[in-house]
Amino acid sequence: MFEMYGLEGLIFAVAISFVVVLIHYEGLRLISEIAERAPLTPRLKMLSVIVGVVAAHMIEAGVFAIGYWLGAEVLDFGHFVGDAPQTVFQYYYFALETYTTQSVGDLYPVGGLRVMASLEPLVGLILIGWSTSLTFLLMRRYWRVTPIRPR
């Protein structure tokens, strides 16, 4: 039978992932709207898209960091092995490196948090791919290549 902390971790990880996907959806919708309506040059529109996408991913990693903190410090269904996070920045660092699939390996969660650390990279990859797709679509709309004239 699935251990209780594993079930708690799975439910918690799915809930956090759902919140992150909703944030990403709304973020991309807002980025698209700003790019469409802002009175900017096409170059500045694309720059705002990239800045917006990076900001969205940073916020989403922050939601996962809050989830790790809650799971370890408040709900107590998991903890970290290695140099365990002590500060907000350390939880954020772990969440960001897991979100981007970098995961150095000097620190890893056990208990119910292990499930979240397994699900987060999948969610991160899907959302990064979604951002890439939006960026490509908007580049096709705004990116105009002008030929260089010989002198």
N, C-alpha and C. Protein backbone atom coordinates (compact mmCIF):
# COMPACT_ATOMS: atom_id res chain seq x y z
N MET A 1 0.84 -1.19 0.00
CA MET A 1 0.00 0.00 0.00
C MET A 1 0.88 1.25 0.00
N PHE A 2 0.39 2.29 -0.65
CA PHE A 2 1.10 3.56 -0.74
C PHE A 2 1.18 4.17 0.65
N GLU A 3 2.38 4.48 1.09
CA GLU A 3 2.55 5.03 2.44
C GLU A 3 1.82 6.37 2.55
N MET A 4 1.34 6.66 3.75
CA MET A 4 0.52 7.85 3.96
C MET A 4 1.24 9.13 3.56
N TYR A 5 2.52 9.26 3.91
CA TYR A 5 3.23 10.50 3.54
C TYR A 5 3.35 10.62 2.04
N GLY A 6 3.40 9.49 1.35
CA GLY A 6 3.46 9.52 -0.11
C GLY A 6 2.16 10.01 -0.71
N LEU A 7 1.04 9.59 -0.14
CA LEU A 7 -0.26 10.03 -0.61
C LEU A 7 -0.44 11.53 -0.33
N GLU A 8 -0.07 11.96 0.86
CA GLU A 8 -0.13 13.40 1.18
C GLU A 8 0.73 14.19 0.21
N GLY A 9 1.93 13.70 -0.03
CA GLY A 9 2.85 14.38 -0.94
C GLY A 9 2.29 14.44 -2.35
N LEU A 10 1.68 13.35 -2.82
CA LEU A 10 1.11 13.32 -4.16
C LEU A 10 -0.03 14.32 -4.29
N ILE A 11 -0.93 14.32 -3.34
CA ILE A 11 -2.06 15.26 -3.37
C ILE A 11 -1.55 16.69 -3.32
N PHE A 12 -0.59 16.94 -2.45
CA PHE A 12 -0.02 18.28 -2.31
C PHE A 12 0.70 18.70 -3.59
N ALA A 13 1.48 17.79 -4.18
CA ALA A 13 2.23 18.09 -5.40
C ALA A 13 1.28 18.38 -6.57
N VAL A 14 0.21 17.63 -6.68
CA VAL A 14 -0.76 17.87 -7.74
C VAL A 14 -1.44 19.22 -7.54
N ALA A 15 -1.79 19.55 -6.30
CA ALA A 15 -2.42 20.85 -6.01
C ALA A 15 -1.48 22.00 -6.35
N ILE A 16 -0.23 21.91 -5.93
CA ILE A 16 0.75 22.96 -6.24
C ILE A 16 0.94 23.07 -7.75
N SER A 17 1.05 21.93 -8.42
CA SER A 17 1.22 21.93 -9.88
C SER A 17 0.04 22.58 -10.58
N PHE A 18 -1.17 22.31 -10.10
CA PHE A 18 -2.37 22.90 -10.68
C PHE A 18 -2.34 24.42 -10.53
N VAL A 19 -1.95 24.90 -9.36
CA VAL A 19 -1.86 26.35 -9.13
C VAL A 19 -0.82 26.96 -10.08
N VAL A 20 0.32 26.29 -10.23
CA VAL A 20 1.38 26.79 -11.11
C VAL A 20 0.92 26.84 -12.56
N VAL A 21 0.20 25.82 -13.02
CA VAL A 21 -0.31 25.82 -14.39
C VAL A 21 -1.31 26.96 -14.59
N LEU A 22 -2.16 27.20 -13.62
CA LEU A 22 -3.11 28.33 -13.72
C LEU A 22 -2.37 29.66 -13.79
N ILE A 23 -1.34 29.82 -12.97
CA ILE A 23 -0.54 31.04 -13.00
C ILE A 23 0.10 31.21 -14.38
N HIS A 24 0.61 30.11 -14.92
CA HIS A 24 1.26 30.18 -16.23
C HIS A 24 0.26 30.56 -17.32
N TYR A 25 -0.90 29.93 -17.29
CA TYR A 25 -1.93 30.25 -18.28
C TYR A 25 -2.26 31.74 -18.24
N GLU A 26 -2.54 32.25 -17.04
CA GLU A 26 -2.89 33.66 -16.91
C GLU A 26 -1.72 34.57 -17.28
N GLY A 27 -0.51 34.14 -16.92
CA GLY A 27 0.68 34.92 -17.28
C GLY A 27 0.86 35.02 -18.78
N LEU A 28 0.73 33.90 -19.49
CA LEU A 28 0.88 33.93 -20.95
C LEU A 28 -0.24 34.72 -21.61
N ARG A 29 -1.44 34.61 -21.06
CA ARG A 29 -2.57 35.39 -21.59
C ARG A 29 -2.29 36.88 -21.44
N LEU A 30 -1.78 37.28 -20.27
CA LEU A 30 -1.46 38.68 -20.03
C LEU A 30 -0.31 39.15 -20.93
N ILE A 31 0.71 38.33 -21.06
CA ILE A 31 1.84 38.66 -21.93
C ILE A 31 1.37 38.86 -23.37
N SER A 32 0.51 37.98 -23.85
CA SER A 32 -0.03 38.09 -25.21
C SER A 32 -0.83 39.37 -25.39
N GLU A 33 -1.65 39.68 -24.39
CA GLU A 33 -2.48 40.88 -24.46
C GLU A 33 -1.62 42.13 -24.47
N ILE A 34 -0.60 42.17 -23.63
CA ILE A 34 0.29 43.33 -23.59
C ILE A 34 1.02 43.47 -24.91
N ALA A 35 1.51 42.36 -25.45
CA ALA A 35 2.23 42.42 -26.73
C ALA A 35 1.32 42.91 -27.84
N GLU A 36 0.07 42.52 -27.80
CA GLU A 36 -0.87 42.92 -28.86
C GLU A 36 -1.27 44.38 -28.74
N ARG A 37 -1.51 44.86 -27.53
CA ARG A 37 -2.09 46.20 -27.35
C ARG A 37 -1.10 47.30 -27.04
N ALA A 38 0.08 46.96 -26.59
CA ALA A 38 1.05 48.00 -26.20
C ALA A 38 1.53 48.77 -27.42
N PRO A 39 1.60 50.08 -27.30
CA PRO A 39 2.08 50.89 -28.42
C PRO A 39 3.62 50.88 -28.48
N LEU A 40 4.16 49.71 -28.74
CA LEU A 40 5.61 49.53 -28.77
C LEU A 40 6.05 49.10 -30.16
N THR A 41 7.32 49.28 -30.42
CA THR A 41 7.87 48.76 -31.67
C THR A 41 7.88 47.23 -31.59
N PRO A 42 7.92 46.55 -32.72
CA PRO A 42 7.97 45.09 -32.69
C PRO A 42 9.14 44.56 -31.85
N ARG A 43 10.27 45.22 -31.92
CA ARG A 43 11.44 44.80 -31.14
C ARG A 43 11.17 44.87 -29.64
N LEU A 44 10.56 45.97 -29.19
CA LEU A 44 10.23 46.12 -27.78
C LEU A 44 9.12 45.17 -27.36
N LYS A 45 8.21 44.86 -28.27
CA LYS A 45 7.17 43.88 -27.96
C LYS A 45 7.81 42.52 -27.67
N MET A 46 8.75 42.11 -28.50
CA MET A 46 9.41 40.81 -28.29
C MET A 46 10.24 40.82 -27.01
N LEU A 47 10.88 41.92 -26.73
CA LEU A 47 11.64 42.03 -25.49
C LEU A 47 10.72 41.91 -24.29
N SER A 48 9.55 42.55 -24.35
CA SER A 48 8.61 42.45 -23.24
C SER A 48 8.07 41.03 -23.11
N VAL A 49 7.92 40.33 -24.21
CA VAL A 49 7.47 38.93 -24.15
C VAL A 49 8.51 38.08 -23.41
N ILE A 50 9.77 38.23 -23.76
CA ILE A 50 10.83 37.43 -23.13
C ILE A 50 10.93 37.76 -21.64
N VAL A 51 10.90 39.04 -21.31
CA VAL A 51 10.97 39.43 -19.90
C VAL A 51 9.76 38.88 -19.14
N GLY A 52 8.59 38.96 -19.74
CA GLY A 52 7.38 38.44 -19.11
C GLY A 52 7.43 36.93 -18.89
N VAL A 53 7.92 36.21 -19.87
CA VAL A 53 8.02 34.75 -19.76
C VAL A 53 9.01 34.36 -18.66
N VAL A 54 10.15 35.01 -18.62
CA VAL A 54 11.13 34.71 -17.56
C VAL A 54 10.53 35.02 -16.19
N ALA A 55 9.86 36.16 -16.08
CA ALA A 55 9.23 36.52 -14.79
C ALA A 55 8.18 35.49 -14.39
N ALA A 56 7.38 35.02 -15.34
CA ALA A 56 6.36 34.01 -15.03
C ALA A 56 7.00 32.74 -14.48
N HIS A 57 8.07 32.29 -15.11
CA HIS A 57 8.73 31.07 -14.64
C HIS A 57 9.36 31.28 -13.26
N MET A 58 9.88 32.45 -13.01
CA MET A 58 10.47 32.72 -11.70
C MET A 58 9.39 32.72 -10.60
N ILE A 59 8.23 33.27 -10.92
CA ILE A 59 7.11 33.26 -9.97
C ILE A 59 6.66 31.83 -9.72
N GLU A 60 6.56 31.04 -10.76
CA GLU A 60 6.11 29.65 -10.63
C GLU A 60 7.08 28.82 -9.79
N ALA A 61 8.36 29.02 -9.99
CA ALA A 61 9.34 28.33 -9.14
C ALA A 61 9.17 28.77 -7.69
N GLY A 62 8.81 30.03 -7.49
CA GLY A 62 8.54 30.52 -6.14
C GLY A 62 7.36 29.83 -5.48
N VAL A 63 6.35 29.49 -6.27
CA VAL A 63 5.20 28.76 -5.73
C VAL A 63 5.65 27.37 -5.27
N PHE A 64 6.48 26.72 -6.07
CA PHE A 64 7.01 25.43 -5.66
C PHE A 64 7.87 25.57 -4.39
N ALA A 65 8.64 26.66 -4.30
CA ALA A 65 9.46 26.88 -3.10
C ALA A 65 8.57 27.00 -1.86
N ILE A 66 7.48 27.72 -2.00
CA ILE A 66 6.53 27.82 -0.88
C ILE A 66 5.99 26.44 -0.54
N GLY A 67 5.73 25.64 -1.56
CA GLY A 67 5.26 24.27 -1.33
C GLY A 67 6.26 23.43 -0.57
N TYR A 68 7.54 23.53 -0.93
CA TYR A 68 8.57 22.78 -0.20
C TYR A 68 8.65 23.24 1.25
N TRP A 69 8.60 24.55 1.44
CA TRP A 69 8.66 25.09 2.79
C TRP A 69 7.46 24.61 3.61
N LEU A 70 6.27 24.71 3.04
CA LEU A 70 5.07 24.25 3.74
C LEU A 70 5.15 22.76 4.09
N GLY A 71 5.57 21.96 3.13
CA GLY A 71 5.67 20.52 3.35
C GLY A 71 6.68 20.15 4.41
N ALA A 72 7.80 20.86 4.44
CA ALA A 72 8.86 20.53 5.39
C ALA A 72 8.66 21.19 6.76
N GLU A 73 8.25 22.44 6.77
CA GLU A 73 8.23 23.21 8.01
C GLU A 73 6.86 23.28 8.69
N VAL A 74 5.79 23.24 7.91
CA VAL A 74 4.45 23.44 8.48
C VAL A 74 3.69 22.12 8.54
N LEU A 75 3.57 21.44 7.40
CA LEU A 75 2.79 20.20 7.33
C LEU A 75 3.57 18.98 7.80
N ASP A 76 4.88 19.10 7.78
CA ASP A 76 5.78 18.07 8.30
C ASP A 76 5.56 16.68 7.71
N PHE A 77 5.47 16.61 6.37
CA PHE A 77 5.38 15.29 5.75
C PHE A 77 6.59 14.98 4.89
N GLY A 78 7.66 15.70 5.11
CA GLY A 78 8.91 15.44 4.42
C GLY A 78 9.98 16.37 4.95
N HIS A 79 11.21 16.08 4.55
CA HIS A 79 12.33 16.94 4.92
C HIS A 79 13.42 16.77 3.87
N PHE A 80 14.52 17.48 4.08
CA PHE A 80 15.63 17.44 3.12
C PHE A 80 16.83 16.73 3.71
N VAL A 81 17.53 16.02 2.85
CA VAL A 81 18.78 15.36 3.23
C VAL A 81 19.90 16.13 2.56
N GLY A 82 20.95 16.38 3.28
CA GLY A 82 22.04 17.22 2.79
C GLY A 82 22.02 18.51 3.57
N ASP A 83 22.50 19.55 2.97
CA ASP A 83 22.50 20.86 3.62
C ASP A 83 21.10 21.45 3.49
N ALA A 84 20.20 21.08 4.40
CA ALA A 84 18.78 21.43 4.32
C ALA A 84 18.57 22.93 4.25
N PRO A 85 17.58 23.37 3.46
CA PRO A 85 17.30 24.80 3.36
C PRO A 85 16.95 25.41 4.72
N GLN A 86 17.52 26.57 4.98
CA GLN A 86 17.25 27.30 6.22
C GLN A 86 16.60 28.64 5.93
N THR A 87 16.75 29.15 4.72
CA THR A 87 16.23 30.47 4.38
C THR A 87 15.27 30.37 3.19
N VAL A 88 14.53 31.43 2.99
CA VAL A 88 13.62 31.51 1.85
C VAL A 88 14.39 31.34 0.55
N PHE A 89 15.54 31.99 0.44
CA PHE A 89 16.34 31.90 -0.78
C PHE A 89 16.77 30.46 -1.06
N GLN A 90 17.13 29.71 -0.03
CA GLN A 90 17.56 28.33 -0.23
C GLN A 90 16.42 27.44 -0.73
N TYR A 91 15.22 27.65 -0.22
CA TYR A 91 14.06 26.92 -0.75
C TYR A 91 13.80 27.33 -2.20
N TYR A 92 13.93 28.62 -2.48
CA TYR A 92 13.72 29.10 -3.85
C TYR A 92 14.78 28.53 -4.79
N TYR A 93 16.02 28.52 -4.36
CA TYR A 93 17.10 27.96 -5.17
C TYR A 93 16.82 26.50 -5.51
N PHE A 94 16.44 25.71 -4.51
CA PHE A 94 16.14 24.30 -4.76
C PHE A 94 14.99 24.17 -5.75
N ALA A 95 13.93 24.94 -5.54
CA ALA A 95 12.77 24.86 -6.43
C ALA A 95 13.13 25.28 -7.86
N LEU A 96 13.92 26.32 -8.00
CA LEU A 96 14.30 26.79 -9.33
C LEU A 96 15.19 25.78 -10.06
N GLU A 97 16.13 25.20 -9.35
CA GLU A 97 16.98 24.21 -10.03
C GLU A 97 16.21 22.93 -10.35
N THR A 98 15.20 22.60 -9.56
CA THR A 98 14.37 21.43 -9.85
C THR A 98 13.43 21.73 -11.01
N TYR A 99 12.83 22.92 -11.02
CA TYR A 99 11.91 23.36 -12.08
C TYR A 99 12.58 23.30 -13.45
N THR A 100 13.84 23.71 -13.49
CA THR A 100 14.58 23.74 -14.76
C THR A 100 15.30 22.42 -15.06
N THR A 101 15.12 21.45 -14.22
CA THR A 101 15.73 20.11 -14.31
C THR A 101 17.23 20.12 -14.12
N GLN A 102 17.78 21.17 -13.58
CA GLN A 102 19.23 21.22 -13.33
C GLN A 102 19.60 20.29 -12.18
N SER A 103 18.86 20.35 -11.08
CA SER A 103 19.06 19.53 -9.89
C SER A 103 20.49 19.04 -9.69
N VAL A 104 21.24 19.80 -8.97
CA VAL A 104 22.66 19.51 -8.75
C VAL A 104 22.85 18.19 -8.01
N GLY A 105 21.99 17.87 -7.05
CA GLY A 105 22.08 16.61 -6.34
C GLY A 105 22.73 16.70 -4.98
N ASP A 106 23.12 17.89 -4.57
CA ASP A 106 23.73 18.06 -3.25
C ASP A 106 22.68 18.08 -2.15
N LEU A 107 21.43 18.13 -2.53
CA LEU A 107 20.32 18.24 -1.60
C LEU A 107 19.15 17.50 -2.22
N TYR A 108 18.45 16.69 -1.44
CA TYR A 108 17.26 16.05 -1.98
C TYR A 108 16.23 15.83 -0.89
N PRO A 109 14.96 15.90 -1.30
CA PRO A 109 13.88 15.73 -0.33
C PRO A 109 13.55 14.25 -0.12
N VAL A 110 13.03 13.95 1.04
CA VAL A 110 12.54 12.61 1.35
C VAL A 110 11.13 12.76 1.92
N GLY A 111 10.46 11.63 2.05
CA GLY A 111 9.08 11.66 2.52
C GLY A 111 8.17 12.16 1.42
N GLY A 112 7.11 12.83 1.81
CA GLY A 112 6.12 13.31 0.85
C GLY A 112 6.65 14.36 -0.11
N LEU A 113 7.72 15.06 0.26
CA LEU A 113 8.28 16.08 -0.62
C LEU A 113 8.98 15.46 -1.83
N ARG A 114 9.34 14.22 -1.73
CA ARG A 114 10.03 13.54 -2.84
C ARG A 114 9.12 13.47 -4.06
N VAL A 115 7.83 13.28 -3.83
CA VAL A 115 6.88 13.22 -4.94
C VAL A 115 6.83 14.57 -5.66
N MET A 116 6.81 15.65 -4.89
CA MET A 116 6.77 16.97 -5.51
C MET A 116 8.05 17.23 -6.31
N ALA A 117 9.18 16.81 -5.78
CA ALA A 117 10.45 17.01 -6.49
C ALA A 117 10.52 16.16 -7.75
N SER A 118 9.70 15.13 -7.84
CA SER A 118 9.64 14.31 -9.05
C SER A 118 8.67 14.89 -10.07
N LEU A 119 7.60 15.52 -9.59
CA LEU A 119 6.60 16.09 -10.48
C LEU A 119 6.99 17.47 -10.99
N GLU A 120 7.69 18.24 -10.18
CA GLU A 120 8.04 19.61 -10.56
C GLU A 120 8.82 19.71 -11.87
N PRO A 121 9.83 18.87 -12.14
CA PRO A 121 10.54 18.99 -13.42
C PRO A 121 9.64 18.71 -14.63
N LEU A 122 8.70 17.80 -14.49
CA LEU A 122 7.77 17.52 -15.58
C LEU A 122 6.92 18.76 -15.86
N VAL A 123 6.39 19.35 -14.80
CA VAL A 123 5.58 20.56 -14.95
C VAL A 123 6.44 21.68 -15.55
N GLY A 124 7.66 21.84 -15.03
CA GLY A 124 8.55 22.88 -15.55
C GLY A 124 8.84 22.71 -17.03
N LEU A 125 9.13 21.50 -17.45
CA LEU A 125 9.41 21.25 -18.87
C LEU A 125 8.21 21.57 -19.75
N ILE A 126 7.03 21.15 -19.31
CA ILE A 126 5.81 21.43 -20.08
C ILE A 126 5.58 22.94 -20.19
N LEU A 127 5.75 23.65 -19.08
CA LEU A 127 5.49 25.09 -19.10
C LEU A 127 6.57 25.84 -19.88
N ILE A 128 7.79 25.39 -19.81
CA ILE A 128 8.85 26.01 -20.61
C ILE A 128 8.56 25.79 -22.10
N GLY A 129 8.10 24.60 -22.45
CA GLY A 129 7.71 24.33 -23.83
C GLY A 129 6.55 25.20 -24.28
N TRP A 130 5.58 25.40 -23.40
CA TRP A 130 4.43 26.25 -23.70
C TRP A 130 4.90 27.68 -23.94
N SER A 131 5.82 28.16 -23.12
CA SER A 131 6.38 29.51 -23.30
C SER A 131 7.14 29.62 -24.61
N THR A 132 7.86 28.58 -24.95
CA THR A 132 8.60 28.57 -26.21
C THR A 132 7.65 28.67 -27.40
N SER A 133 6.55 27.94 -27.32
CA SER A 133 5.54 27.97 -28.38
C SER A 133 4.95 29.37 -28.53
N LEU A 134 4.59 29.99 -27.42
CA LEU A 134 4.04 31.35 -27.49
C LEU A 134 5.08 32.31 -28.07
N THR A 135 6.30 32.21 -27.61
CA THR A 135 7.36 33.09 -28.10
C THR A 135 7.54 32.93 -29.60
N PHE A 136 7.52 31.69 -30.08
CA PHE A 136 7.65 31.44 -31.52
C PHE A 136 6.49 32.08 -32.29
N LEU A 137 5.27 31.89 -31.80
CA LEU A 137 4.12 32.46 -32.49
C LEU A 137 4.19 33.98 -32.54
N LEU A 138 4.59 34.60 -31.45
CA LEU A 138 4.68 36.05 -31.43
C LEU A 138 5.87 36.55 -32.25
N MET A 139 6.93 35.79 -32.29
CA MET A 139 8.07 36.18 -33.14
C MET A 139 7.66 36.19 -34.60
N ARG A 140 6.87 35.22 -35.00
CA ARG A 140 6.40 35.18 -36.39
C ARG A 140 5.57 36.41 -36.71
N ARG A 141 4.86 36.92 -35.72
CA ARG A 141 4.02 38.09 -35.94
C ARG A 141 4.83 39.39 -35.93
N TYR A 142 5.79 39.52 -35.00
CA TYR A 142 6.46 40.80 -34.79
C TYR A 142 7.89 40.87 -35.33
N TRP A 143 8.51 39.76 -35.57
CA TRP A 143 9.92 39.77 -35.95
C TRP A 143 10.01 39.95 -37.47
N ARG A 144 10.42 41.10 -37.87
CA ARG A 144 10.56 41.40 -39.29
C ARG A 144 12.03 41.54 -39.62
N VAL A 145 12.47 40.73 -40.55
CA VAL A 145 13.86 40.79 -40.99
C VAL A 145 13.94 41.74 -42.16
N THR A 146 14.79 42.74 -42.03
CA THR A 146 15.00 43.67 -43.15
C THR A 146 16.38 43.38 -43.70
N PRO A 147 16.44 43.26 -45.01
CA PRO A 147 17.76 42.96 -45.62
C PRO A 147 18.74 44.10 -45.42
N ILE A 148 19.98 43.74 -45.26
CA ILE A 148 21.06 44.74 -45.12
C ILE A 148 21.46 45.15 -46.53
N ARG A 149 21.45 46.43 -46.74
CA ARG A 149 21.83 46.93 -48.06
C ARG A 149 23.33 47.10 -48.16
N PRO A 150 23.91 46.60 -49.22
CA PRO A 150 25.37 46.78 -49.39
C PRO A 150 25.69 48.26 -49.62
N ARG A 151 26.85 48.63 -49.15
CA ARG A 151 27.28 50.04 -49.30
C ARG A 151 28.07 50.25 -50.55
